[in-house]
Protein backbone atom coordinates (compact mmCIF):
# COMPACT_ATOMS: atom_id res chain seq x y z
CA UNK A 1 -29.26 16.03 62.92
CA UNK A 2 -26.49 18.58 63.33
CA UNK A 3 -23.66 17.67 65.63
CA UNK A 4 -21.88 20.57 67.19
CA UNK A 5 -18.32 20.11 68.37
CA UNK A 6 -16.85 22.60 70.76
CA UNK A 7 -13.25 23.09 71.73
CA UNK A 8 -12.04 21.74 75.07
CA UNK A 9 -12.55 24.18 77.90
CA UNK A 10 -9.68 26.56 78.63
CA UNK A 11 -7.46 25.38 81.44
CA UNK A 12 -7.78 21.68 80.71
CA UNK A 13 -4.46 19.90 80.54
CA UNK A 14 -4.94 18.24 77.17
CA UNK A 15 -2.66 17.71 74.18
CA UNK A 16 -5.73 18.26 72.00
CA UNK A 17 -6.38 21.82 73.15
CA UNK A 18 -3.74 23.32 70.89
CA UNK A 19 -4.97 21.37 67.86
CA UNK A 20 -8.42 22.92 68.02
CA UNK A 21 -6.93 26.39 68.25
CA UNK A 22 -4.45 25.99 65.38
CA UNK A 23 -5.42 27.96 62.27
CA UNK A 24 -4.16 25.25 59.92
CA UNK A 25 -6.36 22.65 61.55
CA UNK A 26 -9.38 24.97 61.43
CA UNK A 27 -8.71 25.81 57.75
CA UNK A 28 -8.52 22.09 56.95
CA UNK A 29 -11.80 21.44 58.78
CA UNK A 30 -13.44 24.38 57.01
CA UNK A 31 -12.26 22.93 53.67
CA UNK A 32 -13.72 19.51 54.59
CA UNK A 33 -17.04 21.09 55.52
CA UNK A 34 -17.14 23.28 52.41
CA UNK A 35 -16.41 20.28 50.18
CA UNK A 36 -19.09 18.22 51.91
CA UNK A 37 -21.67 20.97 51.42
CA UNK A 38 -20.61 21.27 47.76
CA UNK A 39 -21.33 17.58 47.11
CA UNK A 40 -24.51 17.57 49.21
CA UNK A 41 -26.01 20.40 47.19
CA UNK A 42 -24.41 20.14 43.75
CA UNK A 43 -24.01 16.37 43.49
CA UNK A 44 -21.02 14.42 42.27
CA UNK A 45 -20.98 15.26 38.56
CA UNK A 46 -18.04 17.63 39.09
CA UNK A 47 -15.58 18.21 41.91
CA UNK A 48 -14.99 21.63 43.46
CA UNK A 49 -11.72 21.89 41.50
CA UNK A 50 -13.46 20.93 38.26
CA UNK A 51 -16.13 23.54 38.98
CA UNK A 52 -13.42 26.21 39.47
CA UNK A 53 -11.84 25.27 36.13
CA UNK A 54 -15.17 25.31 34.29
CA UNK A 55 -15.99 28.64 35.86
CA UNK A 56 -12.66 30.17 34.83
CA UNK A 57 -12.96 28.82 31.28
CA UNK A 58 -16.34 30.48 31.03
CA UNK A 59 -14.75 33.79 32.04
CA UNK A 60 -11.55 33.33 30.00
CA UNK A 61 -12.22 31.01 27.03
CA UNK A 62 -9.15 29.87 25.12
CA UNK A 63 -6.59 30.33 27.88
CA UNK A 64 -3.70 27.93 28.13
CA UNK A 65 -3.36 25.32 30.87
CA UNK A 66 -0.48 27.11 32.61
CA UNK A 67 -2.41 30.37 32.83
CA UNK A 68 -5.49 28.49 33.98
CA UNK A 69 -3.44 26.85 36.73
CA UNK A 70 -2.36 30.28 37.97
CA UNK A 71 -5.87 31.71 37.81
CA UNK A 72 -7.37 28.93 39.95
CA UNK A 73 -4.27 28.50 42.14
CA UNK A 74 -3.50 24.90 41.20
CA UNK A 75 -0.23 23.30 40.24
CA UNK A 76 0.18 22.66 36.52
CA UNK A 77 0.16 18.88 36.92
CA UNK A 78 -3.19 18.86 38.74
CA UNK A 79 -4.59 21.30 36.20
CA UNK A 80 -3.48 19.10 33.30
CA UNK A 81 -4.96 15.89 34.74
CA UNK A 82 -8.18 17.67 35.72
CA UNK A 83 -8.45 19.13 32.20
CA UNK A 84 -7.98 15.63 30.77
CA UNK A 85 -10.84 14.35 32.94
CA UNK A 86 -13.10 17.23 31.94
CA UNK A 87 -12.27 16.60 28.29
CA UNK A 88 -13.08 12.89 28.70
CA UNK A 89 -16.47 13.91 30.15
CA UNK A 90 -17.06 16.10 27.09
CA UNK A 91 -17.17 19.30 29.16
CA UNK A 92 -14.11 21.05 27.71
CA UNK A 93 -12.05 20.91 24.57
CA UNK A 94 -8.26 21.19 24.56
CA UNK A 95 -6.70 22.47 21.35
CA UNK A 96 -3.02 22.70 20.51
CA UNK A 97 -1.84 26.29 20.16
CA UNK A 98 -0.85 27.12 16.58
CA UNK A 99 2.47 28.69 17.58
CA UNK A 100 3.45 26.74 20.68
CA UNK A 101 2.74 23.10 19.86
CA UNK A 102 3.16 22.04 23.50
CA UNK A 103 0.64 24.62 24.69
CA UNK A 104 -3.00 23.57 24.99
CA UNK A 105 -5.78 26.12 24.86
CA UNK A 106 -8.97 25.25 26.69
CA UNK A 107 -12.59 25.93 25.82
CA UNK A 108 -15.93 24.95 27.32
CA UNK A 109 -18.02 22.69 25.11
CA UNK A 110 -21.76 23.33 24.80
CA UNK A 111 -22.21 20.47 27.30
CA UNK A 112 -19.74 22.14 29.69
CA UNK A 113 -21.56 25.45 29.42
CA UNK A 114 -24.93 23.74 30.01
CA UNK A 115 -23.59 21.95 33.10
CA UNK A 116 -22.01 25.12 34.45
CA UNK A 117 -25.26 27.02 33.92
CA UNK A 118 -27.20 24.29 35.73
CA UNK A 119 -24.93 24.65 38.77
CA UNK A 120 -25.46 28.39 39.32
CA UNK A 121 -28.47 28.12 41.63
CA UNK A 122 -26.81 25.28 43.54
CA UNK A 123 -23.67 27.35 44.10
CA UNK A 124 -25.80 30.17 45.50
CA UNK A 125 -27.61 27.70 47.74
CA UNK A 126 -24.24 26.27 48.85
CA UNK A 127 -23.03 29.74 49.84
CA UNK A 128 -26.21 30.31 51.83
CA UNK A 129 -25.85 26.93 53.54
CA UNK A 130 -22.22 27.50 54.49
CA UNK A 131 -23.13 30.79 56.17
CA UNK A 132 -26.60 29.83 57.45
CA UNK A 133 -25.65 30.30 61.12
CA UNK A 134 -23.79 33.58 60.55
CA UNK A 135 -25.07 37.09 60.97
CA UNK A 136 -24.45 39.21 57.83
CA UNK A 137 -21.69 41.15 59.61
CA UNK A 138 -19.98 37.89 60.66
CA UNK A 139 -20.07 36.59 57.09
CA UNK A 140 -18.61 39.87 55.78
CA UNK A 141 -15.89 39.82 58.45
CA UNK A 142 -14.92 36.20 57.82
CA UNK A 143 -14.80 36.71 54.05
CA UNK A 144 -12.77 39.90 54.42
CA UNK A 145 -10.28 38.16 56.73
CA UNK A 146 -10.03 35.09 54.47
CA UNK A 147 -9.33 37.31 51.45
CA UNK A 148 -6.70 39.18 53.46
CA UNK A 149 -5.07 35.95 54.66
CA UNK A 150 -4.99 34.47 51.16
CA UNK A 151 -3.75 37.69 49.58
CA UNK A 152 -1.00 38.32 52.11
CA UNK A 153 0.21 34.71 52.04
CA UNK A 154 -0.22 33.93 48.34
CA UNK A 155 3.54 33.71 47.77
CA UNK A 156 3.78 30.94 50.40
CA UNK A 157 1.46 28.67 48.44
CA UNK A 158 2.83 25.79 46.40
CA UNK A 159 0.41 26.93 43.72
CA UNK A 160 0.03 30.70 44.09
CA UNK A 161 -2.78 32.61 42.46
CA UNK A 162 -1.45 34.36 39.36
CA UNK A 163 -3.86 36.83 37.83
CA UNK A 164 -1.72 38.06 34.92
CA UNK A 165 -0.37 36.33 31.87
CA UNK A 166 -1.45 34.05 29.06
CA UNK A 167 -0.01 32.73 25.84
CA UNK A 168 -1.20 35.85 24.04
CA UNK A 169 0.12 38.18 26.75
CA UNK A 170 3.41 36.36 27.35
CA UNK A 171 6.58 38.40 26.89
CA UNK A 172 8.92 37.59 24.01
CA UNK A 173 11.26 34.67 24.73
CA UNK A 174 14.29 36.91 25.11
CA UNK A 175 12.69 38.87 27.95
CA UNK A 176 10.76 36.03 29.59
CA UNK A 177 11.69 35.38 33.21
CA UNK A 178 11.83 31.91 34.61
CA UNK A 179 10.16 31.32 37.99
CA UNK A 180 12.52 30.00 40.58
């Protein structure tokens, strides 16, 4: 049974009216719903964050944890602990970088690749489920606006998306800039 919640009617004198019109609240609710649909369809073997990491390691095998954090827009601490969990599950392998001993390079294991491959149809089904009540134009509009919002506010994030950089592509130490 699907429960549908509507916002209070305009004109009501309620402290709750503003809450249901606040973008932050709606984004949080959308995240809750998206996460719920993820688990309903894909199960509990991996979390949405773990899925994002596995997916990125498939696309960029051998990247370091710091670069991975930037590519999936997570803080480095969360990325490190999530990588440890994935390694404990046998889904990824973390290897020390030959040059930078503190740098860990990450790779999918055959088990990680098999799991990721098994999730593909579920991810497609999840996308369909999330947008099941939308017209194609509405889906396109929402996705376009979400991409715009995320892109134009990336620098406000505590863990901004960083598409460039890796251990191999890092500038020499003398010219490296420190983020502040």
